[in-house]
N, C-alpha and C. Protein backbone atom coordinates (compact mmCIF):
# COMPACT_ATOMS: atom_id res chain seq x y z
N UNK A 1 16.16 -31.83 -2.44
CA UNK A 1 16.15 -30.65 -1.65
C UNK A 1 14.63 -30.60 -1.53
N UNK A 2 14.02 -30.30 -0.77
CA UNK A 2 12.29 -30.47 -0.99
C UNK A 2 11.73 -29.33 -1.20
N UNK A 3 10.56 -28.91 -1.62
CA UNK A 3 9.88 -28.14 -2.10
C UNK A 3 9.35 -26.89 -0.95
N UNK A 4 9.78 -28.11 0.17
CA UNK A 4 9.13 -27.29 1.42
C UNK A 4 10.60 -25.90 2.08
N UNK A 5 11.16 -27.13 2.53
CA UNK A 5 12.74 -26.32 2.08
C UNK A 5 13.25 -24.76 1.26
N UNK A 6 12.74 -24.79 0.02
CA UNK A 6 13.52 -24.31 -0.67
C UNK A 6 12.51 -22.79 -0.29
N UNK A 7 11.21 -22.90 0.15
CA UNK A 7 10.13 -21.97 0.16
C UNK A 7 10.83 -21.66 1.76
N UNK A 8 11.27 -22.19 2.67
CA UNK A 8 11.58 -22.22 3.83
C UNK A 8 13.10 -20.97 3.62
N UNK A 9 13.43 -21.78 2.27
CA UNK A 9 15.05 -20.53 2.19
C UNK A 9 14.54 -19.08 1.72
N UNK A 10 13.82 -19.55 1.10
CA UNK A 10 13.48 -18.43 0.27
C UNK A 10 12.25 -17.26 1.07
N UNK A 11 11.98 -17.54 1.79
CA UNK A 11 11.75 -16.59 3.04
C UNK A 11 12.24 -16.16 3.74
N UNK A 12 13.03 -16.96 4.20
CA UNK A 12 14.23 -15.71 5.03
C UNK A 12 15.73 -15.45 4.45
N UNK A 13 15.11 -15.69 3.27
CA UNK A 13 16.62 -14.78 2.24
C UNK A 13 15.37 -13.51 2.06
N UNK A 14 14.30 -13.32 1.40
CA UNK A 14 13.44 -12.57 1.01
C UNK A 14 12.89 -11.29 2.82
N UNK A 15 12.73 -11.99 3.71
CA UNK A 15 12.91 -11.58 4.92
C UNK A 15 13.64 -10.88 5.14
N UNK A 16 15.13 -11.44 5.70
CA UNK A 16 16.72 -10.92 5.43
C UNK A 16 16.32 -9.25 4.36
N UNK A 17 16.31 -9.52 3.13
CA UNK A 17 16.52 -8.50 2.25
C UNK A 17 15.72 -7.47 2.59
N UNK A 18 14.40 -7.23 3.23
CA UNK A 18 13.55 -6.88 3.59
C UNK A 18 14.07 -5.61 4.93
N UNK A 19 14.21 -6.28 5.77
CA UNK A 19 14.96 -5.94 6.92
C UNK A 19 16.38 -4.71 6.51
N UNK A 20 16.82 -5.08 5.28
CA UNK A 20 17.96 -4.04 5.25
C UNK A 20 17.99 -3.16 4.36
N UNK A 21 17.05 -3.67 3.42
CA UNK A 21 16.70 -2.75 2.54
C UNK A 21 15.39 -1.64 2.55
N UNK A 22 14.74 -2.69 3.57
CA UNK A 22 13.12 -1.95 3.84
C UNK A 22 12.25 -1.39 2.49
N UNK A 23 12.69 -1.61 1.51
CA UNK A 23 11.66 -1.09 -0.25
C UNK A 23 12.93 -1.72 -0.86
N UNK A 24 12.04 -1.01 -1.95
CA UNK A 24 12.36 -1.13 -3.47
C UNK A 24 11.18 -0.37 -4.55
N UNK A 25 12.52 0.50 -5.47
CA UNK A 25 11.95 1.10 -6.20
C UNK A 25 11.94 0.57 -7.86
N UNK A 26 11.03 1.59 -8.27
CA UNK A 26 10.83 1.26 -9.58
C UNK A 26 10.53 2.07 -10.78
N UNK A 27 10.40 2.30 -11.92
CA UNK A 27 10.25 2.91 -13.04
C UNK A 27 8.80 2.40 -13.68
N UNK A 28 7.83 3.49 -13.37
CA UNK A 28 6.79 3.58 -13.92
C UNK A 28 6.46 4.07 -15.39
N UNK A 29 6.46 3.82 -16.81
CA UNK A 29 6.32 5.14 -17.64
C UNK A 29 4.65 5.12 -17.90
N UNK A 30 4.16 6.13 -18.38
CA UNK A 30 2.77 6.47 -17.98
C UNK A 30 2.68 7.64 -19.20
N UNK A 31 1.65 7.48 -19.84
CA UNK A 31 1.13 8.21 -20.99
C UNK A 31 0.57 9.87 -20.45
N UNK A 32 1.12 10.29 -20.68
CA UNK A 32 0.17 12.13 -19.98
C UNK A 32 -0.54 12.56 -20.73
N UNK A 33 -0.23 12.97 -22.17
CA UNK A 33 -0.80 13.45 -23.19
C UNK A 33 -0.92 13.02 -24.39
N UNK A 34 -1.50 12.55 -25.04
CA UNK A 34 -2.07 11.39 -26.34
C UNK A 34 -2.89 12.73 -27.28
N UNK A 35 -2.30 13.37 -28.12
CA UNK A 35 -3.05 14.27 -29.05
C UNK A 35 -2.60 13.58 -30.48
N UNK A 36 -3.42 13.36 -31.00
CA UNK A 36 -3.49 12.99 -32.82
C UNK A 36 -1.94 11.56 -32.56
N UNK A 37 -0.72 12.35 -33.61
CA UNK A 37 0.34 11.30 -33.42
C UNK A 37 1.55 11.89 -32.48
N UNK A 38 1.02 13.16 -31.21
CA UNK A 38 1.41 13.15 -30.45
C UNK A 38 1.33 12.95 -29.11
N UNK A 39 2.81 11.74 -28.62
CA UNK A 39 2.09 11.23 -27.42
C UNK A 39 3.37 12.00 -25.98
N UNK A 40 2.96 12.09 -25.30
CA UNK A 40 3.74 12.85 -23.92
C UNK A 40 3.80 11.34 -22.95
N UNK A 41 5.69 11.20 -23.25
CA UNK A 41 5.13 10.23 -21.97
C UNK A 41 5.80 10.31 -20.41
N UNK A 42 5.33 10.04 -19.67
CA UNK A 42 6.14 10.45 -18.29
C UNK A 42 6.58 9.01 -17.28
N UNK A 43 8.13 9.59 -16.97
CA UNK A 43 8.62 8.39 -16.24
C UNK A 43 8.38 9.12 -14.77
N UNK A 44 7.62 7.67 -14.22
CA UNK A 44 7.25 8.14 -12.64
C UNK A 44 8.38 7.11 -11.87
N UNK A 45 8.53 7.71 -11.10
CA UNK A 45 9.85 6.49 -9.82
C UNK A 45 8.85 6.38 -8.91
N UNK A 46 8.37 5.36 -8.51
CA UNK A 46 7.45 4.51 -7.04
C UNK A 46 8.38 3.83 -6.29
N UNK A 47 8.42 4.34 -5.07
CA UNK A 47 9.25 3.61 -4.02
C UNK A 47 7.69 2.51 -3.33
N UNK A 48 8.31 1.35 -3.20
CA UNK A 48 7.27 0.07 -1.88
C UNK A 48 8.05 -0.13 -0.85
N UNK A 49 7.44 0.19 0.22
CA UNK A 49 8.57 0.08 1.71
C UNK A 49 7.79 -1.65 2.11
N UNK A 50 8.16 -2.08 2.53
CA UNK A 50 8.43 -3.07 3.11
C UNK A 50 8.18 -2.65 4.81
N UNK A 51 7.26 -3.45 4.91
CA UNK A 51 7.09 -2.92 6.80
C UNK A 51 7.86 -4.27 7.49
N UNK A 52 8.27 -3.70 8.96
CA UNK A 52 9.21 -3.89 9.50
C UNK A 52 9.01 -5.18 10.32
N UNK A 53 7.30 -5.64 9.96
CA UNK A 53 6.68 -6.40 10.84
C UNK A 53 6.50 -7.95 9.64
N UNK A 54 6.62 -7.30 8.13
CA UNK A 54 6.33 -8.11 7.66
C UNK A 54 8.05 -9.18 7.37
N UNK A 55 9.27 -8.34 6.35
CA UNK A 55 10.10 -8.78 7.25
C UNK A 55 11.00 -9.76 8.26
N UNK A 56 10.34 -9.61 9.51
CA UNK A 56 10.18 -10.15 10.62
C UNK A 56 9.29 -11.81 11.05
N UNK A 57 8.01 -11.03 10.13
CA UNK A 57 7.40 -12.40 10.16
C UNK A 57 7.92 -13.58 9.13
N UNK A 58 8.47 -12.94 7.93
CA UNK A 58 9.06 -13.72 6.86
C UNK A 58 10.46 -14.66 7.29
N UNK A 59 11.09 -13.94 8.07
CA UNK A 59 12.00 -14.60 8.78
C UNK A 59 11.29 -16.04 9.98
N UNK A 60 10.89 -15.58 10.91
CA UNK A 60 10.01 -16.53 11.73
C UNK A 60 9.87 -17.81 10.86
N UNK A 61 8.30 -17.21 9.48
CA UNK A 61 8.29 -18.43 8.99
C UNK A 61 8.85 -18.90 8.86
N UNK A 62 9.75 -18.57 8.02
CA UNK A 62 11.22 -19.33 7.01
C UNK A 62 11.62 -20.50 8.22
N UNK A 63 12.24 -20.34 9.33
CA UNK A 63 13.26 -20.59 10.53
C UNK A 63 11.84 -21.73 10.90
N UNK A 64 10.26 -21.33 11.10
CA UNK A 64 9.40 -22.51 11.02
C UNK A 64 9.11 -23.97 10.34
N UNK A 65 8.83 -23.40 9.19
CA UNK A 65 9.16 -24.64 8.24
C UNK A 65 10.58 -25.31 7.96
N UNK A 66 11.70 -24.37 7.51
CA UNK A 66 12.92 -25.17 7.90
C UNK A 66 12.98 -25.89 9.42
N UNK A 67 12.88 -25.64 10.63
CA UNK A 67 12.29 -26.33 11.32
C UNK A 67 11.55 -27.77 11.03
N UNK A 68 10.48 -27.36 10.68
CA UNK A 68 9.74 -28.60 10.56
C UNK A 68 9.52 -29.50 9.40
N UNK A 69 10.67 -29.21 8.71
CA UNK A 69 11.19 -29.74 7.29
C UNK A 69 12.42 -30.87 7.99
N UNK A 70 12.78 -30.07 8.38
CA UNK A 70 14.03 -31.02 8.77
C UNK A 70 13.56 -31.74 10.22
N UNK A 71 12.70 -31.95 11.11
CA UNK A 71 11.42 -33.39 11.98
C UNK A 71 11.14 -34.05 11.27
N UNK A 72 10.92 -33.49 9.83
CA UNK A 72 10.08 -34.51 9.24
C UNK A 72 10.91 -35.66 8.38
N UNK A 73 11.75 -34.78 7.53
CA UNK A 73 13.18 -36.05 6.74
C UNK A 73 13.72 -36.24 7.57
């Protein structure tokens, strides 16, 4: 399998996951206060939303790459 087909499959899978889940979240540790040896940290949960057009665009681009890769080889 060549690299173009792998990229096409990755785009198809990523676009599909983006449409199904709509985004992902992660936890970020930040230092709120540092006073000498005393340090207070805060865990913030961040949300990243994946736009609908990005998921559809990734699926279309992956499909086009897969079609052109199959025509070449």
